Amino acid sequence: MMRNLSLLGASMVVGLCLLEFLCRLFVPLPSPYAVPLELIVMDDRGFWTLAPAFRGVMDNGIDFRGKSLTVDDDGTRNVMCRQKNADIPRVFLVGDSQTFGQGLSDRETWASILQCRLRDAKFSGQIYNLGVPGVNIDTYVRRMLQVVPVLRKGDRVIVGVTWNDLHTFHEASAVDAARRVLGSLKQSGGVGGLEMRSGWTPRYLQKATWRYRTYRATGLLIPSFDGLKGFLESMQYSSALFHVSIKRLKELIYRWRPTEALSGKIPDGTFERNFTLLQLMRDRVVAAGGRFDVLFLPNRVFFDDVYYAAYSQGGRVFPQQDYPGYLGKKYCPRFGLDCVSAFPYLRASERDKHTFAFDGHFNEAGARNIGQGLARQLFGVMR
């Protein structure tokens, strides 16, 4: 009996190894390090920003290859079509990787598309892209330490809010800390420009671990064994067989999981605290003479009909397809926020029409639609 079980187990292992070998002949594995580790550093004022004057590329091996990445001296991503007049109103875009433009070249980000539309329409406005991958609303709050002191009357701050931002829980102490940080800001009367401050020894958001060094030396990613979620996520980069099957498997799991599973993971008060943080930022920007807008940047779970059908279980989990916009209609008036949603520019019945198939961030088509849509909706550019 034991011998038969051993033979069965050995056969299964050999079969899986053979399938893995065949998959690797036809399926390229993505890189787990698509964004350079040296890109994101800590400013002395306590927020994550892009490393000043950074030059590099983004490459995940399957969705995007060799995409140019240029950072200005002030820690903002380079934006095309900049206007030369330094006295025109400025537009500061604050957000995460969807605002930053992960997987897109400098020219392809929605920030650059928006800037080029404004220039072509002879509309005065200088765009600054302060998006940083991997951060949340608490970092946006501290980023006001860089933005608010240099605001001039007529300047604008647009905060790109994603689903990750909305469902990330913050303790009440985080709201109190935000009040203290924003209350301590001093106005400079708009004198000077953005600047990045860092010490002699940079602090990086992503560190070069032994797993990273092994991957760079061998091309093999050792899976993470810190937990089930980490293991499954890392296996997408370690196994071609797992890579081709996990996406559909996740859709099946989400399609059939209990409808209350998501709500059970979001603590009470999560949405209210995040909108409170946005309100605190709004109040400080307006007091400095600027305008403040919240831009909902939904991910493909919402605007892609194929993903929405699976992840929302036919609308039972998310009662409206533009769920972030739905939350905005509920909370923005209550907190006195001017809110818009990019959902109408992204809605698609075709899978991955506006996103990278594996990476999930906005692709060139999605970014172009957002930039052009915002030019019309927020700035009145009609052509």
Protein backbone atom coordinates (compact mmCIF):
# COMPACT_ATOMS: atom_id res chain seq x y z
CA MET A 1 0.00 0.00 0.00
CA MET A 2 2.73 2.45 1.00
CA ARG A 3 4.70 1.54 -2.11
CA ASN A 4 1.70 2.32 -4.32
CA LEU A 5 1.19 5.65 -2.57
CA SER A 6 4.86 6.49 -3.03
CA LEU A 7 4.67 5.66 -6.73
CA LEU A 8 1.53 7.78 -7.08
CA GLY A 9 3.16 10.71 -5.32
CA ALA A 10 6.32 10.43 -7.41
CA SER A 11 4.23 10.25 -10.61
CA MET A 12 2.37 13.38 -9.65
CA VAL A 13 5.60 15.25 -8.94
CA VAL A 14 7.10 14.13 -12.26
CA GLY A 15 3.90 15.08 -14.08
CA LEU A 16 3.84 18.54 -12.53
CA CYS A 17 7.51 19.07 -13.36
CA LEU A 18 6.82 18.07 -16.96
CA LEU A 19 3.87 20.45 -17.18
CA GLU A 20 6.01 23.22 -15.69
CA PHE A 21 8.73 22.55 -18.28
CA LEU A 22 6.21 22.64 -21.14
CA CYS A 23 4.63 25.84 -19.82
CA ARG A 24 8.00 27.54 -19.63
CA LEU A 25 8.59 26.81 -23.30
CA PHE A 26 5.58 28.93 -24.24
CA VAL A 27 4.76 31.15 -21.26
CA PRO A 28 7.20 33.90 -20.18
CA LEU A 29 7.33 34.57 -16.46
CA PRO A 30 6.82 38.17 -15.31
CA SER A 31 9.46 39.99 -13.32
CA PRO A 32 8.55 40.64 -9.67
CA TYR A 33 10.73 43.76 -9.73
CA ALA A 34 9.17 45.81 -12.51
CA VAL A 35 9.96 49.11 -10.79
CA PRO A 36 13.55 49.88 -9.69
CA LEU A 37 14.06 49.50 -5.94
CA GLU A 38 16.00 52.76 -5.78
CA LEU A 39 13.05 54.78 -7.09
CA ILE A 40 11.14 55.48 -3.86
CA VAL A 41 12.85 57.25 -0.96
CA MET A 42 11.83 58.90 2.28
CA ASP A 43 11.73 62.68 2.45
CA ASP A 44 13.00 64.15 5.73
CA ARG A 45 9.48 65.45 6.37
CA GLY A 46 8.16 61.91 6.66
CA PHE A 47 6.62 60.99 3.31
CA TRP A 48 7.64 58.66 0.50
CA THR A 49 8.60 60.35 -2.73
CA LEU A 50 10.48 59.61 -5.95
CA ALA A 51 14.26 59.86 -5.84
CA PRO A 52 15.26 63.26 -7.29
CA ALA A 53 16.84 63.21 -10.75
CA PHE A 54 16.29 59.46 -11.07
CA ARG A 55 16.70 57.94 -14.53
CA GLY A 56 15.68 54.37 -15.27
CA VAL A 57 13.16 52.03 -16.87
CA MET A 58 10.19 49.88 -15.83
CA ASP A 59 10.02 46.35 -17.18
CA ASN A 60 7.94 43.39 -16.00
CA GLY A 61 8.88 41.19 -18.94
CA ILE A 62 5.37 40.61 -20.30
CA ASP A 63 3.12 43.69 -20.13
CA PHE A 64 5.65 46.46 -20.60
CA ARG A 65 9.32 46.49 -21.59
CA GLY A 66 11.93 49.21 -21.17
CA LYS A 67 9.50 52.02 -20.33
CA SER A 68 11.34 55.29 -19.67
CA LEU A 69 11.16 56.71 -16.18
CA THR A 70 12.47 60.19 -15.43
CA VAL A 71 12.18 62.08 -12.15
CA ASP A 72 12.68 65.81 -11.77
CA ASP A 73 14.89 67.40 -9.11
CA ASP A 74 11.87 68.01 -6.86
CA GLY A 75 10.92 64.30 -6.69
CA THR A 76 8.04 64.49 -9.18
CA ARG A 77 7.75 62.36 -12.29
CA ASN A 78 8.60 64.08 -15.56
CA VAL A 79 5.57 65.42 -17.47
CA MET A 80 5.58 66.13 -21.20
CA CYS A 81 4.38 69.35 -22.88
CA ARG A 82 5.30 71.61 -19.98
CA GLN A 83 4.52 75.28 -20.54
CA LYS A 84 7.37 77.75 -20.12
CA ASN A 85 5.52 80.45 -18.18
CA ALA A 86 6.40 79.89 -14.53
CA ASP A 87 3.60 82.15 -13.26
CA ILE A 88 0.65 80.17 -14.62
CA PRO A 89 -1.54 78.15 -12.23
CA ARG A 90 -0.10 74.82 -11.19
CA VAL A 91 -1.89 71.50 -10.83
CA PHE A 92 -0.43 69.06 -8.31
CA LEU A 93 -1.45 65.42 -8.82
CA VAL A 94 -1.11 63.37 -5.64
CA GLY A 95 -1.71 59.62 -5.59
CA ASP A 96 -0.30 56.11 -5.85
CA SER A 97 0.91 53.98 -8.77
CA GLN A 98 -2.23 54.69 -10.86
CA THR A 99 -1.42 58.41 -10.72
CA PHE A 100 2.32 57.79 -11.12
CA GLY A 101 1.72 55.68 -14.24
CA GLN A 102 3.22 52.26 -13.51
CA GLY A 103 4.18 50.48 -16.70
CA LEU A 104 3.93 53.61 -18.82
CA SER A 105 6.67 55.79 -20.24
CA ASP A 106 6.84 59.45 -19.21
CA ARG A 107 5.00 60.39 -22.39
CA GLU A 108 2.18 57.86 -21.89
CA THR A 109 1.01 58.71 -18.34
CA TRP A 110 -2.39 60.35 -17.96
CA ALA A 111 -0.58 63.28 -16.29
CA SER A 112 1.35 63.90 -19.53
CA ILE A 113 -1.75 63.38 -21.69
CA LEU A 114 -3.61 65.95 -19.58
CA GLN A 115 -0.72 68.43 -19.79
CA CYS A 116 -0.49 68.09 -23.58
CA ARG A 117 -4.24 68.61 -23.93
CA LEU A 118 -4.03 71.79 -21.85
CA ARG A 119 -1.11 73.08 -23.92
CA ASP A 120 -2.77 72.32 -27.24
CA ALA A 121 -5.94 74.08 -26.10
CA LYS A 122 -3.84 77.08 -24.94
CA PHE A 123 -5.18 76.53 -21.42
CA SER A 124 -2.89 77.79 -18.66
CA GLY A 125 -1.91 75.01 -16.30
CA GLN A 126 1.35 73.37 -15.23
CA ILE A 127 1.00 69.73 -14.19
CA TYR A 128 3.17 68.17 -11.47
CA ASN A 129 2.93 64.39 -11.07
CA LEU A 130 3.48 63.53 -7.39
CA GLY A 131 2.23 59.95 -7.71
CA VAL A 132 4.25 57.33 -5.81
CA PRO A 133 3.71 53.55 -6.15
CA GLY A 134 2.74 51.65 -3.01
CA VAL A 135 1.46 54.49 -0.81
CA ASN A 136 -1.92 55.36 0.71
CA ILE A 137 -3.90 58.36 1.95
CA ASP A 138 -1.77 58.78 5.08
CA THR A 139 1.21 59.50 2.79
CA TYR A 140 -0.89 61.94 0.76
CA VAL A 141 -1.53 63.87 3.97
CA ARG A 142 2.16 64.23 4.71
CA ARG A 143 2.85 65.13 1.07
CA MET A 144 0.97 68.35 1.82
CA LEU A 145 4.09 69.37 3.77
CA GLN A 146 5.75 69.76 0.38
CA VAL A 147 2.81 71.19 -1.56
CA VAL A 148 0.86 73.56 0.68
CA PRO A 149 3.73 75.94 1.60
CA VAL A 150 4.30 76.81 -2.07
CA LEU A 151 0.65 77.12 -3.14
CA ARG A 152 -0.40 80.29 -4.91
CA LYS A 153 -3.94 81.49 -5.40
CA GLY A 154 -5.41 79.64 -8.37
CA ASP A 155 -3.28 76.52 -7.92
CA ARG A 156 -5.03 73.17 -7.79
CA VAL A 157 -4.47 69.89 -5.95
CA ILE A 158 -6.04 66.73 -7.37
CA VAL A 159 -5.80 63.61 -5.21
CA GLY A 160 -6.17 60.34 -7.12
CA VAL A 161 -7.99 57.89 -4.83
CA THR A 162 -8.00 54.17 -5.60
CA TRP A 163 -9.92 51.26 -4.09
CA ASN A 164 -6.80 50.37 -2.06
CA ASP A 165 -6.95 53.84 -0.49
CA LEU A 166 -10.63 53.60 0.35
CA HIS A 167 -10.57 50.23 2.10
CA THR A 168 -7.27 50.73 3.98
CA PHE A 169 -8.06 51.08 7.68
CA HIS A 170 -6.51 53.89 9.74
CA GLU A 171 -6.63 54.12 13.50
CA ALA A 172 -8.21 57.19 15.07
CA SER A 173 -4.69 58.24 16.06
CA ALA A 174 -3.81 58.60 12.35
CA VAL A 175 -6.57 61.18 11.95
CA ASP A 176 -5.31 63.06 15.03
CA ALA A 177 -1.77 62.97 13.63
CA ALA A 178 -3.03 64.34 10.31
CA ARG A 179 -4.66 67.27 12.10
CA ARG A 180 -1.39 68.05 13.86
CA VAL A 181 0.68 67.77 10.67
CA LEU A 182 -1.62 69.93 8.58
CA GLY A 183 -2.14 72.41 11.40
CA SER A 184 1.61 72.95 11.70
CA LEU A 185 2.06 74.06 8.10
CA LYS A 186 3.45 77.51 7.50
CA GLN A 187 2.58 79.55 4.43
CA SER A 188 5.33 81.04 2.29
CA GLY A 189 2.97 83.13 0.20
CA GLY A 190 3.67 80.95 -2.83
CA VAL A 191 7.34 81.92 -2.83
CA GLY A 192 9.66 79.22 -4.15
CA GLY A 193 8.90 75.87 -5.71
CA LEU A 194 8.68 72.24 -4.76
CA GLU A 195 11.76 70.72 -3.23
CA MET A 196 12.73 67.30 -1.97
CA ARG A 197 14.66 66.98 1.30
CA SER A 198 16.62 63.87 2.13
CA GLY A 199 19.45 63.04 4.48
CA TRP A 200 22.86 61.70 3.64
CA THR A 201 21.71 58.09 3.83
CA PRO A 202 18.58 57.43 1.70
CA ARG A 203 15.78 55.32 3.17
CA TYR A 204 14.17 53.18 0.48
CA LEU A 205 10.59 51.87 0.51
CA GLN A 206 11.74 48.63 -1.17
CA LYS A 207 14.92 46.98 0.09
CA ALA A 208 17.30 44.60 -1.68
CA THR A 209 16.56 41.38 0.23
CA TRP A 210 18.32 38.05 -0.20
CA ARG A 211 15.38 36.94 -2.37
CA TYR A 212 15.93 39.96 -4.64
CA ARG A 213 19.69 39.29 -4.91
CA THR A 214 19.07 35.62 -5.70
CA TYR A 215 16.61 36.56 -8.43
CA ARG A 216 19.04 39.03 -10.00
CA ALA A 217 21.81 36.44 -9.98
CA THR A 218 19.83 33.42 -11.20
CA GLY A 219 16.53 34.63 -12.67
CA LEU A 220 14.74 32.38 -10.17
CA LEU A 221 12.42 33.84 -7.55
CA ILE A 222 12.27 31.85 -4.32
CA PRO A 223 8.61 31.95 -3.20
CA SER A 224 7.72 33.73 0.04
CA PHE A 225 6.72 31.44 2.90
CA ASP A 226 5.62 34.19 5.29
CA GLY A 227 1.96 33.30 4.79
CA LEU A 228 -0.51 31.79 2.35
CA LYS A 229 -1.26 35.08 0.59
CA GLY A 230 2.42 35.94 0.19
CA PHE A 231 3.18 32.45 -1.08
CA LEU A 232 0.41 32.52 -3.69
CA GLU A 233 1.39 36.01 -4.87
CA SER A 234 5.06 35.14 -5.20
CA MET A 235 4.34 31.86 -6.99
CA GLN A 236 3.06 33.84 -9.97
CA TYR A 237 6.70 34.82 -10.59
CA SER A 238 8.21 31.42 -9.77
CA SER A 239 6.03 28.95 -11.69
CA ALA A 240 4.79 29.25 -15.27
CA LEU A 241 2.10 26.65 -14.59
CA PHE A 242 0.88 28.61 -11.58
CA HIS A 243 1.11 31.86 -13.52
CA VAL A 244 -1.27 30.69 -16.26
CA SER A 245 -3.80 29.24 -13.82
CA ILE A 246 -3.96 31.64 -10.87
CA LYS A 247 -5.88 34.42 -12.62
CA ARG A 248 -8.82 32.22 -13.55
CA LEU A 249 -8.63 30.44 -10.20
CA LYS A 250 -8.92 33.76 -8.36
CA GLU A 251 -11.93 34.71 -10.45
CA LEU A 252 -13.62 31.43 -9.54
CA ILE A 253 -12.86 31.92 -5.85
CA TYR A 254 -14.25 35.45 -5.84
CA ARG A 255 -17.26 34.41 -7.87
CA TRP A 256 -18.27 31.74 -5.33
CA ARG A 257 -17.06 33.12 -2.02
CA PRO A 258 -19.69 34.30 0.51
CA THR A 259 -21.04 37.73 -0.38
CA GLU A 260 -20.27 39.03 3.11
CA ALA A 261 -16.57 38.06 2.89
CA LEU A 262 -15.46 41.50 1.70
CA SER A 263 -17.51 43.56 4.13
CA GLY A 264 -16.22 41.39 6.96
CA LYS A 265 -12.65 42.43 6.12
CA ILE A 266 -13.35 46.18 6.19
CA PRO A 267 -13.59 47.47 9.78
CA ASP A 268 -16.37 49.88 10.71
CA GLY A 269 -15.44 53.50 10.13
CA THR A 270 -12.83 52.78 7.44
CA PHE A 271 -14.50 54.85 4.73
CA GLU A 272 -15.37 57.66 7.12
CA ARG A 273 -11.79 58.03 8.33
CA ASN A 274 -10.37 58.06 4.82
CA PHE A 275 -12.81 60.76 3.78
CA THR A 276 -11.96 62.67 6.95
CA LEU A 277 -8.29 62.64 5.91
CA LEU A 278 -9.29 63.97 2.49
CA GLN A 279 -11.38 66.66 4.14
CA LEU A 280 -8.43 67.75 6.31
CA MET A 281 -6.26 68.06 3.21
CA ARG A 282 -9.00 69.99 1.41
CA ASP A 283 -9.37 72.46 4.26
CA ARG A 284 -5.63 73.20 4.33
CA VAL A 285 -5.35 73.59 0.55
CA VAL A 286 -8.37 75.90 0.37
CA ALA A 287 -7.02 77.99 3.27
CA ALA A 288 -3.84 78.44 1.22
CA GLY A 289 -5.84 79.79 -1.74
CA GLY A 290 -5.90 76.61 -3.80
CA ARG A 291 -8.61 74.33 -5.13
CA PHE A 292 -8.92 70.70 -4.07
CA ASP A 293 -10.46 67.83 -6.06
CA VAL A 294 -10.82 64.13 -5.33
CA LEU A 295 -10.44 61.90 -8.38
CA PHE A 296 -11.63 58.31 -8.03
CA LEU A 297 -9.42 56.01 -10.10
CA PRO A 298 -11.27 52.66 -10.09
CA ASN A 299 -9.37 49.48 -10.83
CA ARG A 300 -10.49 46.92 -13.39
CA VAL A 301 -12.58 45.00 -10.85
CA PHE A 302 -15.12 47.79 -11.35
CA PHE A 303 -14.87 49.25 -14.86
CA ASP A 304 -14.08 46.02 -16.73
CA ASP A 305 -17.39 44.17 -17.19
CA VAL A 306 -15.68 40.75 -17.24
CA TYR A 307 -13.92 41.25 -13.91
CA TYR A 308 -16.90 42.98 -12.33
CA ALA A 309 -19.16 40.02 -13.11
CA ALA A 310 -16.79 37.66 -11.29
CA TYR A 311 -15.61 39.79 -8.39
CA SER A 312 -18.96 41.40 -7.57
CA GLN A 313 -20.94 38.16 -7.98
CA GLY A 314 -23.35 39.81 -10.36
CA GLY A 315 -23.64 42.98 -8.27
CA ARG A 316 -24.24 41.31 -4.91
CA VAL A 317 -20.87 42.32 -3.41
CA PHE A 318 -20.58 45.75 -5.07
CA PRO A 319 -24.14 47.05 -5.57
CA GLN A 320 -23.03 49.53 -8.25
CA GLN A 321 -20.34 48.95 -10.84
CA ASP A 322 -18.69 52.31 -10.19
CA TYR A 323 -18.44 51.45 -6.51
CA PRO A 324 -15.80 54.08 -5.61
CA GLY A 325 -17.98 56.69 -7.32
CA TYR A 326 -20.97 55.31 -5.44
CA LEU A 327 -19.10 55.81 -2.15
CA GLY A 328 -18.19 59.30 -3.34
CA LYS A 329 -21.81 60.23 -3.86
CA LYS A 330 -22.49 59.11 -0.31
CA TYR A 331 -19.52 60.70 1.46
CA CYS A 332 -18.26 63.63 -0.65
CA PRO A 333 -21.24 65.95 0.04
CA ARG A 334 -21.08 65.04 3.73
CA PHE A 335 -17.40 65.99 3.93
CA GLY A 336 -17.64 68.98 1.58
CA LEU A 337 -15.45 67.47 -1.13
CA ASP A 338 -15.52 68.08 -4.87
CA CYS A 339 -15.29 64.58 -6.35
CA VAL A 340 -15.18 63.12 -9.85
CA SER A 341 -14.77 59.54 -11.08
CA ALA A 342 -12.72 58.26 -14.01
CA PHE A 343 -15.13 55.34 -14.39
CA PRO A 344 -16.95 56.75 -17.47
CA TYR A 345 -13.63 57.02 -19.33
CA LEU A 346 -12.68 53.42 -18.56
CA ARG A 347 -15.85 51.31 -18.71
CA ALA A 348 -15.31 48.43 -21.14
CA SER A 349 -16.96 45.12 -22.01
CA GLU A 350 -13.69 43.72 -23.39
CA ARG A 351 -11.30 42.13 -20.90
CA ASP A 352 -8.18 44.20 -20.22
CA LYS A 353 -8.99 46.85 -22.80
CA HIS A 354 -7.71 49.61 -20.53
CA THR A 355 -5.32 47.72 -18.27
CA PHE A 356 -2.26 45.53 -18.54
CA ALA A 357 -3.43 41.91 -18.54
CA PHE A 358 -1.13 40.72 -15.75
CA ASP A 359 0.01 43.89 -13.99
CA GLY A 360 -3.49 45.40 -13.79
CA HIS A 361 -2.49 49.07 -13.96
CA PHE A 362 -3.83 51.42 -16.63
CA ASN A 363 -2.31 50.75 -20.05
CA GLU A 364 -1.75 53.39 -22.73
CA ALA A 365 -5.39 53.35 -23.83
CA GLY A 366 -6.68 53.71 -20.27
CA ALA A 367 -4.29 56.54 -19.43
CA ARG A 368 -5.17 58.36 -22.66
CA ASN A 369 -8.89 58.16 -21.88
CA ILE A 370 -8.34 59.49 -18.35
CA GLY A 371 -6.17 62.41 -19.48
CA GLN A 372 -8.55 63.43 -22.25
CA GLY A 373 -11.62 62.96 -20.04
CA LEU A 374 -10.22 65.09 -17.22
CA ALA A 375 -9.23 67.82 -19.66
CA ARG A 376 -12.90 68.09 -20.60
CA GLN A 377 -14.51 67.56 -17.21
CA LEU A 378 -12.20 69.51 -14.90
CA PHE A 379 -10.70 72.10 -17.25
CA GLY A 380 -13.33 72.60 -19.94
CA VAL A 381 -11.06 71.61 -22.85
CA MET A 382 -13.50 70.59 -25.57
CA ARG A 383 -11.23 69.58 -28.41
